């Protein structure tokens, strides 16, 4: 199936989230696996509900494992780090993605520069969080009646519409710093930052708040 913009997708019943960083061994693996972990906590198997979560790197270490400190961070959250394999970002990843969330504005610019009508569905993670917080969840499709895939598509459209109206307080506010080569304490601070940014996003996607 192909969208009106010419972007191919596997099926109308799926929604692909692509997390992008530089090497695909630190930030994007953490974000990918924390997203899956949070989704599983809310709705069970995300793939069973049509949500597919992936990651890649603009200078990705193809076939590489994630950094050991990144695995430790995921273990801290009880998230599964097993089976991860690094990927270098290619056109196919962007073509198939319904939402691209990047670590920094530079990554966002690189994804958009690849074309594929990516501009309206590519945000930095923290930018998307900021926009999602401003969206009234009652204006989104009901996940029970319409499904989380329909809700996810509507959420991306609503966030894109807000982007020009709701600006970041500072340029750095929409970025997640690179912990590559840093000690575990810095990795953990980045993990906390990512986890906090994901919480409202996953809540908005699923309509289910985090378990307390």
Protein backbone atom coordinates (compact mmCIF):
# COMPACT_ATOMS: atom_id res chain seq x y z
CA UNK A 1 0.00 0.00 0.00
CA UNK A 2 1.18 3.54 -0.71
CA UNK A 3 0.08 6.77 0.91
CA UNK A 4 -0.98 9.82 -1.16
CA UNK A 5 2.46 11.31 -0.50
CA UNK A 6 4.05 8.30 -2.18
CA UNK A 7 5.27 6.84 1.10
CA UNK A 8 4.96 3.09 1.19
CA UNK A 9 3.67 1.40 4.33
CA UNK A 10 3.31 -2.26 5.16
CA UNK A 11 -0.35 -2.13 6.11
CA UNK A 12 -2.93 0.39 7.21
CA UNK A 13 -3.22 -1.53 10.47
CA UNK A 14 0.34 -0.76 11.61
CA UNK A 15 2.10 2.34 12.89
CA UNK A 16 5.91 2.44 12.83
CA UNK A 17 7.91 4.56 15.27
CA UNK A 18 11.55 5.09 14.32
CA UNK A 19 14.02 6.45 16.89
CA UNK A 20 17.16 8.03 15.44
CA UNK A 21 20.48 9.05 16.99
CA UNK A 22 24.07 9.05 15.71
CA UNK A 23 25.61 5.61 16.22
CA UNK A 24 22.48 3.62 17.16
CA UNK A 25 24.34 2.20 20.14
CA UNK A 26 23.35 4.58 22.98
CA UNK A 27 20.43 7.00 22.79
CA UNK A 28 18.22 5.44 20.12
CA UNK A 29 18.52 1.87 21.51
CA UNK A 30 17.61 3.16 24.96
CA UNK A 31 14.67 5.09 23.53
CA UNK A 32 13.50 2.17 21.37
CA UNK A 33 13.53 -0.33 24.21
CA UNK A 34 12.04 2.07 26.79
CA UNK A 35 9.23 2.83 24.33
CA UNK A 36 8.50 -0.87 23.88
CA UNK A 37 8.68 -1.41 27.64
CA UNK A 38 6.24 1.43 28.34
CA UNK A 39 3.85 0.31 25.62
CA UNK A 40 3.89 -3.25 26.89
CA UNK A 41 3.08 -1.96 30.36
CA UNK A 42 0.00 -0.12 29.05
CA UNK A 43 -1.41 -2.30 26.25
CA UNK A 44 0.46 -5.61 26.24
CA UNK A 45 2.41 -6.63 23.16
CA UNK A 46 2.71 -3.40 21.10
CA UNK A 47 3.18 -5.28 17.82
CA UNK A 48 -0.06 -7.12 18.52
CA UNK A 49 -1.79 -3.73 18.62
CA UNK A 50 -0.08 -2.58 15.41
CA UNK A 51 2.67 -0.46 16.99
CA UNK A 52 6.16 -1.29 15.70
CA UNK A 53 9.12 0.40 17.39
CA UNK A 54 12.55 0.50 15.72
CA UNK A 55 15.75 2.56 15.71
CA UNK A 56 18.69 3.48 13.50
CA UNK A 57 21.68 5.82 13.45
CA UNK A 58 22.71 8.53 11.01
CA UNK A 59 26.25 7.14 11.33
CA UNK A 60 25.00 3.81 12.60
CA UNK A 61 27.29 0.97 13.55
CA UNK A 62 25.62 -1.64 11.37
CA UNK A 63 25.36 -4.95 13.22
CA UNK A 64 26.89 -3.62 16.45
CA UNK A 65 25.51 -4.33 19.92
CA UNK A 66 24.35 -1.44 22.06
CA UNK A 67 26.82 0.03 24.53
CA UNK A 68 27.16 -1.86 27.81
CA UNK A 69 26.16 1.23 29.78
CA UNK A 70 23.01 1.51 27.67
CA UNK A 71 22.14 -2.07 28.58
CA UNK A 72 22.66 -1.22 32.25
CA UNK A 73 20.29 1.75 31.96
CA UNK A 74 17.63 -0.45 30.40
CA UNK A 75 18.07 -3.00 33.16
CA UNK A 76 17.50 -0.22 35.71
CA UNK A 77 14.05 0.30 34.18
CA UNK A 78 13.32 -3.40 33.82
CA UNK A 79 13.38 -3.08 30.03
CA UNK A 80 14.60 -5.80 27.69
CA UNK A 81 17.95 -5.11 25.99
CA UNK A 82 18.33 -8.55 24.40
CA UNK A 83 18.73 -9.17 20.71
CA UNK A 84 19.54 -5.59 19.76
CA UNK A 85 21.52 -5.05 16.54
CA UNK A 86 22.64 -1.58 15.41
CA UNK A 87 21.49 -0.23 12.05
CA UNK A 88 22.64 2.58 9.81
CA UNK A 89 19.75 4.80 8.74
CA UNK A 90 18.72 4.19 5.15
CA UNK A 91 15.92 5.46 2.95
CA UNK A 92 13.73 2.42 3.57
CA UNK A 93 13.61 3.14 7.31
CA UNK A 94 12.33 6.66 6.70
CA UNK A 95 9.91 5.60 3.96
CA UNK A 96 8.27 3.03 6.24
CA UNK A 97 8.13 5.18 9.39
CA UNK A 98 4.92 6.89 10.44
CA UNK A 99 6.70 8.82 13.21
CA UNK A 100 10.42 9.59 13.43
CA UNK A 101 11.74 10.77 16.79
CA UNK A 102 15.33 11.97 16.86
CA UNK A 103 17.77 12.74 19.67
CA UNK A 104 18.77 16.16 18.32
CA UNK A 105 17.78 18.84 15.82
CA UNK A 106 20.73 17.85 13.61
CA UNK A 107 19.38 14.30 13.40
CA UNK A 108 15.95 15.68 12.58
CA UNK A 109 17.43 17.79 9.78
CA UNK A 110 19.31 14.79 8.39
CA UNK A 111 16.15 12.68 8.30
CA UNK A 112 14.14 15.44 6.62
CA UNK A 113 16.92 16.02 4.08
CA UNK A 114 16.46 12.42 2.91
CA UNK A 115 13.08 13.42 1.49
CA UNK A 116 10.16 10.97 1.44
CA UNK A 117 7.76 13.66 2.74
CA UNK A 118 9.36 13.16 6.15
CA UNK A 119 9.01 16.73 7.42
CA UNK A 120 5.53 16.44 8.91
CA UNK A 121 6.29 13.20 10.75
CA UNK A 122 9.80 13.89 12.04
CA UNK A 123 10.45 15.57 15.39
CA UNK A 124 13.07 15.47 18.07
CA UNK A 125 11.83 13.33 20.95
CA UNK A 126 11.62 16.24 23.36
CA UNK A 127 9.98 18.46 20.74
CA UNK A 128 7.29 15.85 20.22
CA UNK A 129 6.79 15.55 23.98
CA UNK A 130 6.34 19.31 24.26
CA UNK A 131 3.77 19.36 21.46
CA UNK A 132 1.91 16.30 22.73
CA UNK A 133 1.46 17.92 26.15
CA UNK A 134 -0.50 20.71 24.43
CA UNK A 135 -2.92 18.37 22.64
CA UNK A 136 -6.32 17.72 24.20
CA UNK A 137 -6.55 13.92 24.33
CA UNK A 138 -10.33 14.07 23.96
CA UNK A 139 -9.81 15.33 20.39
CA UNK A 140 -8.01 12.10 19.43
CA UNK A 141 -9.66 8.86 18.29
CA UNK A 142 -10.77 6.54 21.07
CA UNK A 143 -8.18 3.74 21.29
CA UNK A 144 -10.86 1.26 22.36
CA UNK A 145 -13.28 2.06 19.56
CA UNK A 146 -10.91 3.14 16.78
CA UNK A 147 -7.64 1.44 17.75
CA UNK A 148 -4.27 2.79 18.80
CA UNK A 149 -3.04 2.97 15.18
CA UNK A 150 -5.73 5.49 14.24
CA UNK A 151 -5.02 7.40 17.44
CA UNK A 152 -1.27 7.46 16.70
CA UNK A 153 -1.78 8.85 13.19
CA UNK A 154 -4.07 11.56 14.54
CA UNK A 155 -1.55 12.43 17.27
CA UNK A 156 1.22 13.00 14.71
CA UNK A 157 -1.02 15.21 12.58
CA UNK A 158 -2.04 17.26 15.62
CA UNK A 159 1.57 17.69 16.74
CA UNK A 160 2.67 18.77 13.26
CA UNK A 161 -0.09 21.40 13.21
CA UNK A 162 1.14 22.85 16.50
CA UNK A 163 4.84 22.99 15.64
CA UNK A 164 4.87 26.51 14.26
CA UNK A 165 2.81 27.86 17.15
CA UNK A 166 4.45 26.24 20.16
CA UNK A 167 8.16 26.98 20.07
CA UNK A 168 10.89 25.65 22.36
CA UNK A 169 12.03 28.00 25.13
CA UNK A 170 15.66 27.40 24.07
CA UNK A 171 17.33 25.58 21.20
CA UNK A 172 18.79 23.02 23.60
CA UNK A 173 15.40 22.26 25.18
CA UNK A 174 14.54 19.85 22.36
CA UNK A 175 17.79 17.86 22.49
CA UNK A 176 19.12 14.77 24.28
CA UNK A 177 22.89 14.88 24.79
CA UNK A 178 25.11 12.04 23.60
CA UNK A 179 26.42 9.85 26.46
CA UNK A 180 28.81 7.88 24.22
CA UNK A 181 32.04 7.26 26.14
CA UNK A 182 30.65 8.81 29.33
CA UNK A 183 30.48 7.11 32.74
CA UNK A 184 27.39 5.19 33.82
CA UNK A 185 26.18 8.13 35.94
CA UNK A 186 25.77 10.24 32.81
CA UNK A 187 24.12 7.37 30.96
CA UNK A 188 21.62 7.06 33.80
CA UNK A 189 20.83 10.78 33.68
CA UNK A 190 20.23 10.49 29.93
CA UNK A 191 18.07 7.42 30.52
CA UNK A 192 15.97 9.33 33.05
CA UNK A 193 15.65 12.23 30.60
CA UNK A 194 14.49 9.92 27.83
CA UNK A 195 12.09 8.06 30.09
CA UNK A 196 10.50 11.30 31.29
CA UNK A 197 10.11 12.50 27.70
CA UNK A 198 8.49 9.23 26.65
CA UNK A 199 5.89 9.06 29.42
CA UNK A 200 3.45 11.67 28.02
CA UNK A 201 4.04 10.39 24.49
CA UNK A 202 3.13 6.80 25.37
CA UNK A 203 0.15 8.00 27.39
CA UNK A 204 -1.08 10.04 24.44
CA UNK A 205 -0.52 7.18 21.99
CA UNK A 206 -2.38 4.60 24.05
CA UNK A 207 -4.82 6.66 26.10
CA UNK A 208 -3.59 4.72 29.13
CA UNK A 209 -1.65 6.49 31.92
CA UNK A 210 1.42 4.94 33.49
CA UNK A 211 0.84 2.45 36.28
CA UNK A 212 1.77 3.95 39.63
